[in-house]
Amino acid sequence: AIANCEAFNSQDLSSTLWACAVLQMHHMPLIEAISAPSITKVCQADPQSLSNMAWANAPLALVDLPLMTALSSAAIGKLGELILQDLHITLWAFAKLLIYDWPLIDSLSAASLRMRNDFAPQVIS
């Protein structure tokens, strides 16, 4: 997989990083091989891939600031496409990693307020 990461699309990269997180696999050569092309491909990623990639960093306690900065910029650029789940997963991941990205927090908070009528009780809690 490491040799092929450059050829992966954004969803492949997101899914591979997500699998590492679920398996609690801290294989840094693989994670670094995923991170580098992810930074350049996040602008092409769909909102779910963005939130999944942000989420995958949190359980592994990976504070990959270049990747998280790229994810933040991409998420802000896709605010109109994000669904409620994308918003709260992305915010949770940044909070879990103690990354205080105020432009992202402000943008996602404003988007959450616009969606507040869609909140189910479990989302609010």
N, C-alpha and C. Protein backbone atom coordinates (compact mmCIF):
# COMPACT_ATOMS: atom_id res chain seq x y z
N ALA A 1 0.82 -1.20 0.00
CA ALA A 1 0.00 0.00 0.00
C ALA A 1 0.86 1.26 0.00
N ILE A 2 2.00 1.22 0.69
CA ILE A 2 2.83 2.42 0.80
C ILE A 2 3.27 2.90 -0.58
N ALA A 3 3.69 1.98 -1.42
CA ALA A 3 4.18 2.36 -2.75
C ALA A 3 3.07 2.91 -3.63
N ASN A 4 1.83 2.57 -3.35
CA ASN A 4 0.71 3.00 -4.20
C ASN A 4 -0.02 4.23 -3.70
N CYS A 5 0.34 4.76 -2.56
CA CYS A 5 -0.42 5.87 -1.98
C CYS A 5 -0.49 7.09 -2.89
N GLU A 6 0.54 7.37 -3.63
CA GLU A 6 0.52 8.52 -4.55
C GLU A 6 -0.57 8.37 -5.60
N ALA A 7 -0.89 7.11 -5.97
CA ALA A 7 -1.89 6.87 -7.00
C ALA A 7 -3.31 6.86 -6.43
N PHE A 8 -3.45 6.82 -5.11
CA PHE A 8 -4.77 6.77 -4.49
C PHE A 8 -5.52 8.08 -4.71
N ASN A 9 -6.84 7.97 -4.86
CA ASN A 9 -7.65 9.19 -4.87
C ASN A 9 -7.97 9.57 -3.43
N SER A 10 -8.66 10.67 -3.23
CA SER A 10 -8.90 11.16 -1.86
C SER A 10 -9.72 10.16 -1.04
N GLN A 11 -10.66 9.48 -1.66
CA GLN A 11 -11.46 8.51 -0.91
C GLN A 11 -10.62 7.30 -0.51
N ASP A 12 -9.73 6.83 -1.39
CA ASP A 12 -8.83 5.72 -1.05
C ASP A 12 -7.94 6.10 0.13
N LEU A 13 -7.40 7.31 0.09
CA LEU A 13 -6.52 7.78 1.17
C LEU A 13 -7.29 7.87 2.49
N SER A 14 -8.48 8.44 2.42
CA SER A 14 -9.31 8.57 3.61
C SER A 14 -9.67 7.21 4.19
N SER A 15 -10.08 6.28 3.34
CA SER A 15 -10.46 4.94 3.80
C SER A 15 -9.30 4.19 4.41
N THR A 16 -8.11 4.35 3.83
CA THR A 16 -6.93 3.66 4.36
C THR A 16 -6.55 4.22 5.72
N LEU A 17 -6.57 5.54 5.86
CA LEU A 17 -6.27 6.15 7.15
C LEU A 17 -7.33 5.78 8.18
N TRP A 18 -8.59 5.74 7.77
CA TRP A 18 -9.68 5.35 8.65
C TRP A 18 -9.47 3.92 9.14
N ALA A 19 -9.07 3.02 8.23
CA ALA A 19 -8.82 1.62 8.63
C ALA A 19 -7.68 1.54 9.65
N CYS A 20 -6.64 2.33 9.46
CA CYS A 20 -5.54 2.36 10.44
C CYS A 20 -6.08 2.77 11.81
N ALA A 21 -6.96 3.75 11.84
CA ALA A 21 -7.51 4.23 13.11
C ALA A 21 -8.37 3.15 13.78
N VAL A 22 -9.24 2.52 13.01
CA VAL A 22 -10.12 1.48 13.56
C VAL A 22 -9.29 0.33 14.13
N LEU A 23 -8.22 -0.02 13.45
CA LEU A 23 -7.35 -1.12 13.90
C LEU A 23 -6.32 -0.68 14.93
N GLN A 24 -6.33 0.62 15.26
CA GLN A 24 -5.33 1.19 16.17
C GLN A 24 -3.92 0.85 15.70
N MET A 25 -3.72 0.97 14.40
CA MET A 25 -2.45 0.63 13.77
C MET A 25 -1.61 1.89 13.61
N HIS A 26 -0.60 2.03 14.43
CA HIS A 26 0.29 3.18 14.39
C HIS A 26 1.51 2.88 13.51
N HIS A 27 1.27 2.51 12.28
CA HIS A 27 2.35 2.19 11.34
C HIS A 27 2.75 3.51 10.65
N MET A 28 3.72 4.19 11.26
CA MET A 28 4.05 5.54 10.81
C MET A 28 4.51 5.61 9.35
N PRO A 29 5.27 4.65 8.82
CA PRO A 29 5.60 4.76 7.38
C PRO A 29 4.34 4.79 6.50
N LEU A 30 3.34 3.97 6.83
CA LEU A 30 2.11 3.97 6.05
C LEU A 30 1.34 5.27 6.25
N ILE A 31 1.23 5.70 7.50
CA ILE A 31 0.49 6.93 7.79
C ILE A 31 1.14 8.13 7.11
N GLU A 32 2.47 8.20 7.13
CA GLU A 32 3.17 9.29 6.44
C GLU A 32 2.99 9.21 4.94
N ALA A 33 2.95 7.99 4.41
CA ALA A 33 2.73 7.81 2.97
C ALA A 33 1.32 8.23 2.57
N ILE A 34 0.37 8.11 3.48
CA ILE A 34 -1.00 8.55 3.22
C ILE A 34 -1.10 10.07 3.35
N SER A 35 -0.42 10.63 4.33
CA SER A 35 -0.53 12.05 4.62
C SER A 35 -0.06 12.94 3.47
N ALA A 36 1.10 12.63 2.92
CA ALA A 36 1.68 13.51 1.89
C ALA A 36 0.74 13.72 0.69
N PRO A 37 0.24 12.66 0.05
CA PRO A 37 -0.66 12.91 -1.08
C PRO A 37 -2.02 13.44 -0.64
N SER A 38 -2.41 13.16 0.59
CA SER A 38 -3.70 13.65 1.09
C SER A 38 -3.73 15.17 1.11
N ILE A 39 -2.60 15.77 1.49
CA ILE A 39 -2.54 17.23 1.58
C ILE A 39 -2.84 17.87 0.22
N THR A 40 -2.34 17.27 -0.83
CA THR A 40 -2.57 17.84 -2.16
C THR A 40 -3.92 17.45 -2.76
N LYS A 41 -4.56 16.41 -2.23
CA LYS A 41 -5.80 15.93 -2.83
C LYS A 41 -7.06 16.27 -2.04
N VAL A 42 -6.91 16.93 -0.88
CA VAL A 42 -8.10 17.21 -0.09
C VAL A 42 -9.08 18.15 -0.79
N CYS A 43 -8.60 19.00 -1.65
CA CYS A 43 -9.51 19.92 -2.34
C CYS A 43 -10.45 19.15 -3.28
N GLN A 44 -10.07 17.93 -3.67
CA GLN A 44 -10.91 17.10 -4.52
C GLN A 44 -11.81 16.17 -3.72
N ALA A 45 -11.60 16.11 -2.41
CA ALA A 45 -12.31 15.15 -1.57
C ALA A 45 -13.76 15.56 -1.35
N ASP A 46 -14.61 14.56 -1.23
CA ASP A 46 -16.00 14.83 -0.87
C ASP A 46 -16.05 15.10 0.64
N PRO A 47 -17.13 15.73 1.11
CA PRO A 47 -17.20 16.09 2.53
C PRO A 47 -17.03 14.90 3.49
N GLN A 48 -17.58 13.74 3.14
CA GLN A 48 -17.45 12.59 4.03
C GLN A 48 -15.99 12.15 4.13
N SER A 49 -15.26 12.17 3.03
CA SER A 49 -13.84 11.81 3.07
C SER A 49 -13.05 12.78 3.93
N LEU A 50 -13.40 14.06 3.85
CA LEU A 50 -12.73 15.07 4.68
C LEU A 50 -12.96 14.79 6.16
N SER A 51 -14.21 14.58 6.53
CA SER A 51 -14.51 14.35 7.95
C SER A 51 -13.93 13.02 8.41
N ASN A 52 -13.96 12.00 7.56
CA ASN A 52 -13.38 10.71 7.94
C ASN A 52 -11.87 10.82 8.14
N MET A 53 -11.21 11.58 7.30
CA MET A 53 -9.76 11.74 7.44
C MET A 53 -9.43 12.50 8.73
N ALA A 54 -10.20 13.54 9.02
CA ALA A 54 -9.99 14.26 10.27
C ALA A 54 -10.25 13.33 11.46
N TRP A 55 -11.35 12.57 11.40
CA TRP A 55 -11.69 11.65 12.48
C TRP A 55 -10.59 10.62 12.69
N ALA A 56 -10.03 10.09 11.61
CA ALA A 56 -9.03 9.02 11.71
C ALA A 56 -7.77 9.48 12.45
N ASN A 57 -7.45 10.75 12.38
CA ASN A 57 -6.28 11.26 13.09
C ASN A 57 -6.49 11.26 14.60
N ALA A 58 -7.72 11.46 15.05
CA ALA A 58 -7.99 11.63 16.48
C ALA A 58 -7.72 10.38 17.32
N PRO A 59 -8.27 9.20 16.99
CA PRO A 59 -8.00 8.04 17.85
C PRO A 59 -6.54 7.60 17.82
N LEU A 60 -5.85 7.96 16.76
CA LEU A 60 -4.42 7.62 16.69
C LEU A 60 -3.57 8.70 17.34
N ALA A 61 -4.22 9.77 17.80
CA ALA A 61 -3.52 10.91 18.42
C ALA A 61 -2.46 11.48 17.49
N LEU A 62 -2.81 11.55 16.21
CA LEU A 62 -1.90 12.09 15.20
C LEU A 62 -2.16 13.58 15.02
N VAL A 63 -1.22 14.38 15.42
CA VAL A 63 -1.35 15.81 15.20
C VAL A 63 -0.48 16.15 13.99
N ASP A 64 -1.02 15.87 12.84
CA ASP A 64 -0.36 16.14 11.57
C ASP A 64 -0.86 17.52 11.12
N LEU A 65 -0.19 18.57 11.59
CA LEU A 65 -0.69 19.92 11.33
C LEU A 65 -0.80 20.27 9.86
N PRO A 66 0.15 19.90 9.00
CA PRO A 66 -0.06 20.21 7.58
C PRO A 66 -1.32 19.56 7.01
N LEU A 67 -1.57 18.31 7.38
CA LEU A 67 -2.77 17.63 6.90
C LEU A 67 -4.02 18.25 7.51
N MET A 68 -4.02 18.51 8.80
CA MET A 68 -5.19 19.07 9.46
C MET A 68 -5.49 20.48 8.94
N THR A 69 -4.45 21.24 8.62
CA THR A 69 -4.64 22.57 8.04
C THR A 69 -5.28 22.46 6.66
N ALA A 70 -4.81 21.50 5.87
CA ALA A 70 -5.39 21.28 4.55
C ALA A 70 -6.85 20.83 4.66
N LEU A 71 -7.13 19.95 5.63
CA LEU A 71 -8.51 19.49 5.84
C LEU A 71 -9.40 20.65 6.26
N SER A 72 -8.88 21.51 7.13
CA SER A 72 -9.64 22.67 7.57
C SER A 72 -10.00 23.57 6.40
N SER A 73 -9.02 23.89 5.58
CA SER A 73 -9.27 24.76 4.42
C SER A 73 -10.28 24.14 3.47
N ALA A 74 -10.14 22.85 3.24
CA ALA A 74 -11.07 22.16 2.33
C ALA A 74 -12.48 22.14 2.92
N ALA A 75 -12.60 21.88 4.21
CA ALA A 75 -13.92 21.85 4.85
C ALA A 75 -14.59 23.22 4.79
N ILE A 76 -13.83 24.27 5.05
CA ILE A 76 -14.38 25.63 4.97
C ILE A 76 -14.84 25.91 3.55
N GLY A 77 -14.08 25.45 2.56
CA GLY A 77 -14.46 25.66 1.16
C GLY A 77 -15.67 24.87 0.72
N LYS A 78 -16.04 23.85 1.48
CA LYS A 78 -17.17 22.99 1.10
C LYS A 78 -18.34 23.11 2.09
N LEU A 79 -18.42 24.23 2.81
CA LEU A 79 -19.46 24.38 3.83
C LEU A 79 -20.86 24.10 3.30
N GLY A 80 -21.13 24.51 2.09
CA GLY A 80 -22.46 24.31 1.51
C GLY A 80 -22.77 22.85 1.23
N GLU A 81 -21.76 22.00 1.18
CA GLU A 81 -21.95 20.58 0.88
C GLU A 81 -21.97 19.71 2.14
N LEU A 82 -21.50 20.25 3.26
CA LEU A 82 -21.39 19.45 4.46
C LEU A 82 -22.76 19.16 5.06
N ILE A 83 -22.93 17.92 5.51
CA ILE A 83 -24.13 17.57 6.24
C ILE A 83 -23.80 17.64 7.73
N LEU A 84 -24.80 17.55 8.56
CA LEU A 84 -24.63 17.69 9.99
C LEU A 84 -23.57 16.72 10.54
N GLN A 85 -23.59 15.48 10.09
CA GLN A 85 -22.61 14.49 10.56
C GLN A 85 -21.18 14.93 10.22
N ASP A 86 -20.96 15.47 9.03
CA ASP A 86 -19.62 15.95 8.65
C ASP A 86 -19.17 17.06 9.59
N LEU A 87 -20.09 17.95 9.94
CA LEU A 87 -19.77 19.07 10.82
C LEU A 87 -19.31 18.57 12.19
N HIS A 88 -20.12 17.71 12.80
CA HIS A 88 -19.77 17.35 14.17
C HIS A 88 -18.59 16.39 14.24
N ILE A 89 -18.39 15.54 13.24
CA ILE A 89 -17.21 14.66 13.23
C ILE A 89 -15.94 15.50 13.07
N THR A 90 -15.98 16.47 12.19
CA THR A 90 -14.80 17.32 11.97
C THR A 90 -14.48 18.13 13.22
N LEU A 91 -15.49 18.76 13.81
CA LEU A 91 -15.26 19.52 15.04
C LEU A 91 -14.74 18.64 16.17
N TRP A 92 -15.32 17.44 16.31
CA TRP A 92 -14.86 16.52 17.35
C TRP A 92 -13.39 16.17 17.17
N ALA A 93 -13.00 15.87 15.92
CA ALA A 93 -11.62 15.46 15.65
C ALA A 93 -10.63 16.58 16.02
N PHE A 94 -10.93 17.80 15.61
CA PHE A 94 -10.04 18.91 15.94
C PHE A 94 -9.99 19.14 17.45
N ALA A 95 -11.14 19.02 18.11
CA ALA A 95 -11.18 19.19 19.56
C ALA A 95 -10.39 18.08 20.26
N LYS A 96 -10.57 16.86 19.84
CA LYS A 96 -9.87 15.72 20.44
C LYS A 96 -8.36 15.89 20.34
N LEU A 97 -7.90 16.46 19.23
CA LEU A 97 -6.47 16.66 19.01
C LEU A 97 -5.98 17.99 19.60
N LEU A 98 -6.88 18.73 20.22
CA LEU A 98 -6.56 20.04 20.81
C LEU A 98 -5.98 21.00 19.77
N ILE A 99 -6.55 20.96 18.58
CA ILE A 99 -6.17 21.89 17.51
C ILE A 99 -7.24 22.98 17.47
N TYR A 100 -6.85 24.17 17.87
CA TYR A 100 -7.80 25.29 17.93
C TYR A 100 -7.70 26.10 16.64
N ASP A 101 -8.40 25.62 15.64
CA ASP A 101 -8.43 26.27 14.33
C ASP A 101 -9.67 27.16 14.31
N TRP A 102 -9.49 28.42 14.73
CA TRP A 102 -10.64 29.30 14.90
C TRP A 102 -11.41 29.58 13.62
N PRO A 103 -10.77 29.75 12.47
CA PRO A 103 -11.59 29.93 11.25
C PRO A 103 -12.49 28.71 10.98
N LEU A 104 -11.96 27.50 11.21
CA LEU A 104 -12.77 26.30 11.03
C LEU A 104 -13.89 26.25 12.07
N ILE A 105 -13.56 26.49 13.32
CA ILE A 105 -14.55 26.44 14.39
C ILE A 105 -15.66 27.46 14.12
N ASP A 106 -15.30 28.67 13.76
CA ASP A 106 -16.30 29.71 13.48
C ASP A 106 -17.18 29.32 12.29
N SER A 107 -16.56 28.82 11.22
CA SER A 107 -17.31 28.44 10.02
C SER A 107 -18.26 27.29 10.29
N LEU A 108 -17.77 26.24 10.97
CA LEU A 108 -18.62 25.08 11.25
C LEU A 108 -19.70 25.42 12.27
N SER A 109 -19.38 26.30 13.21
CA SER A 109 -20.40 26.73 14.18
C SER A 109 -21.52 27.49 13.48
N ALA A 110 -21.16 28.39 12.59
CA ALA A 110 -22.17 29.14 11.84
C ALA A 110 -23.02 28.20 10.99
N ALA A 111 -22.38 27.23 10.35
CA ALA A 111 -23.12 26.25 9.55
C ALA A 111 -24.04 25.42 10.43
N SER A 112 -23.57 25.07 11.63
CA SER A 112 -24.40 24.30 12.57
C SER A 112 -25.64 25.08 12.98
N LEU A 113 -25.47 26.38 13.20
CA LEU A 113 -26.63 27.21 13.57
C LEU A 113 -27.66 27.22 12.45
N ARG A 114 -27.19 27.26 11.21
CA ARG A 114 -28.13 27.24 10.08
C ARG A 114 -28.86 25.90 9.99
N MET A 115 -28.24 24.84 10.51
CA MET A 115 -28.85 23.50 10.44
C MET A 115 -29.54 23.10 11.74
N ARG A 116 -29.65 23.99 12.69
CA ARG A 116 -30.10 23.61 14.03
C ARG A 116 -31.47 22.94 14.04
N ASN A 117 -32.31 23.21 13.09
CA ASN A 117 -33.62 22.56 13.04
C ASN A 117 -33.51 21.08 12.65
N ASP A 118 -32.37 20.70 12.10
CA ASP A 118 -32.15 19.31 11.69
C ASP A 118 -31.57 18.45 12.81
N PHE A 119 -31.21 19.06 13.95
CA PHE A 119 -30.54 18.33 15.02
C PHE A 119 -31.49 17.32 15.66
N ALA A 120 -30.99 16.10 15.80
CA ALA A 120 -31.68 15.08 16.59
C ALA A 120 -31.15 15.19 18.02
N PRO A 121 -31.88 14.72 19.01
CA PRO A 121 -31.41 14.85 20.40
C PRO A 121 -30.02 14.26 20.64
N GLN A 122 -29.69 13.14 20.02
CA GLN A 122 -28.37 12.54 20.25
C GLN A 122 -27.24 13.38 19.67
N VAL A 123 -27.50 14.20 18.68
CA VAL A 123 -26.48 15.07 18.10
C VAL A 123 -26.19 16.23 19.06
N ILE A 124 -27.21 16.71 19.72
CA ILE A 124 -27.05 17.85 20.62
C ILE A 124 -26.28 17.44 21.88
N SER A 125 -26.45 16.21 22.32
CA SER A 125 -25.82 15.79 23.58
C SER A 125 -24.36 15.57 23.50
